[in-house]
Amino acid sequence: MLPGFVLIPTGIGLAVPAMTTAVLASLEKSWGGTASGVLNTARQVGGAIGVALFGAFLGSGQREIGSGLRASTLVAALLLMAGAGLAW
């Protein structure tokens, strides 16, 4: 699990500046503050939902953490692919 948990912050570090640049470059400068606030709010809500889903998967009566981790990782991967498809 360690390699995955090392790669996650690396991916976040690469994705966040790219997302911010893409959002701010697509708008007029007068909307920069609003766009930045909406983007950061969406990131925070996504993180909170992710933590809630992971907790729900773990609390679903499964005794081992691995099955909950696999389920939450699968959901995250599917959402990432859907987001990439929408962005494309």
Protein backbone atom coordinates (compact mmCIF):
# COMPACT_ATOMS: atom_id res chain seq x y z
CA MET A 1 0.00 0.00 0.00
CA LEU A 2 2.94 2.34 0.59
CA PRO A 3 3.73 2.96 -3.11
CA GLY A 4 0.12 3.94 -3.73
CA PHE A 5 0.10 6.30 -0.78
CA VAL A 6 3.31 7.89 -2.06
CA LEU A 7 1.87 8.36 -5.55
CA ILE A 8 -1.38 9.98 -4.39
CA PRO A 9 0.21 13.23 -3.12
CA THR A 10 2.44 13.33 -6.19
CA GLY A 11 -0.62 13.13 -8.44
CA ILE A 12 -2.40 15.77 -6.42
CA GLY A 13 0.65 18.02 -6.62
CA LEU A 14 0.64 17.69 -10.40
CA ALA A 15 -3.13 17.97 -10.86
CA VAL A 16 -4.00 20.96 -8.66
CA PRO A 17 -1.82 23.55 -10.42
CA ALA A 18 -2.98 22.26 -13.81
CA MET A 19 -6.64 22.47 -12.74
CA THR A 20 -6.17 25.97 -11.36
CA THR A 21 -4.41 27.13 -14.52
CA ALA A 22 -7.06 25.62 -16.78
CA VAL A 23 -9.92 27.17 -14.83
CA LEU A 24 -8.39 30.62 -14.50
CA ALA A 25 -7.19 30.73 -18.12
CA SER A 26 -10.69 30.04 -19.42
CA LEU A 27 -12.28 33.05 -17.72
CA GLU A 28 -12.03 36.80 -17.70
CA LYS A 29 -9.68 38.17 -15.05
CA SER A 30 -12.58 39.77 -13.19
CA TRP A 31 -13.94 36.27 -12.41
CA GLY A 32 -10.63 34.95 -11.07
CA GLY A 33 -11.53 35.14 -7.38
CA THR A 34 -14.91 33.51 -7.86
CA ALA A 35 -13.49 30.75 -10.05
CA SER A 36 -10.70 30.05 -7.59
CA GLY A 37 -13.19 29.86 -4.72
CA VAL A 38 -15.50 27.51 -6.61
CA LEU A 39 -12.60 25.26 -7.62
CA ASN A 40 -11.27 25.02 -4.07
CA THR A 41 -14.77 24.40 -2.70
CA ALA A 42 -15.29 21.59 -5.21
CA ARG A 43 -11.95 20.04 -4.20
CA GLN A 44 -12.86 20.20 -0.51
CA VAL A 45 -16.34 18.75 -1.06
CA GLY A 46 -14.83 15.97 -3.17
CA GLY A 47 -12.36 15.16 -0.40
CA ALA A 48 -15.11 15.11 2.22
CA ILE A 49 -17.27 12.84 0.08
CA GLY A 50 -14.30 10.55 -0.48
CA VAL A 51 -13.65 10.24 3.24
CA ALA A 52 -17.35 9.62 3.89
CA LEU A 53 -17.53 6.92 1.21
CA PHE A 54 -14.41 5.23 2.53
CA GLY A 55 -15.90 5.23 6.04
CA ALA A 56 -19.17 3.85 4.73
CA PHE A 57 -17.38 1.04 2.88
CA LEU A 58 -15.38 0.20 6.00
CA GLY A 59 -18.46 0.27 8.20
CA SER A 60 -20.51 -1.95 5.92
CA GLY A 61 -19.88 -5.03 8.06
CA GLN A 62 -16.70 -6.12 6.33
CA ARG A 63 -14.06 -7.25 8.78
CA GLU A 64 -10.97 -6.51 6.76
CA ILE A 65 -9.86 -3.04 5.70
CA GLY A 66 -8.63 -4.32 2.35
CA SER A 67 -12.08 -4.86 0.87
CA GLY A 68 -13.20 -1.36 1.90
CA LEU A 69 -10.01 0.11 0.49
CA ARG A 70 -10.48 -1.77 -2.79
CA ALA A 71 -14.10 -0.64 -3.08
CA SER A 72 -13.30 3.01 -2.37
CA THR A 73 -10.33 2.93 -4.74
CA LEU A 74 -12.52 1.48 -7.49
CA VAL A 75 -15.13 4.19 -6.98
CA ALA A 76 -12.41 6.88 -7.02
CA ALA A 77 -10.88 5.45 -10.20
CA LEU A 78 -14.26 5.37 -11.95
CA LEU A 79 -14.98 8.96 -10.92
CA LEU A 80 -11.53 10.02 -12.11
CA MET A 81 -12.12 8.41 -15.48
CA ALA A 82 -15.53 10.07 -15.74
CA GLY A 83 -13.98 13.44 -14.88
CA ALA A 84 -11.20 12.93 -17.43
CA GLY A 85 -13.80 12.06 -20.04
CA LEU A 86 -15.78 15.20 -19.27
CA ALA A 87 -12.65 17.34 -19.35
CA TRP A 88 -11.62 15.87 -22.69
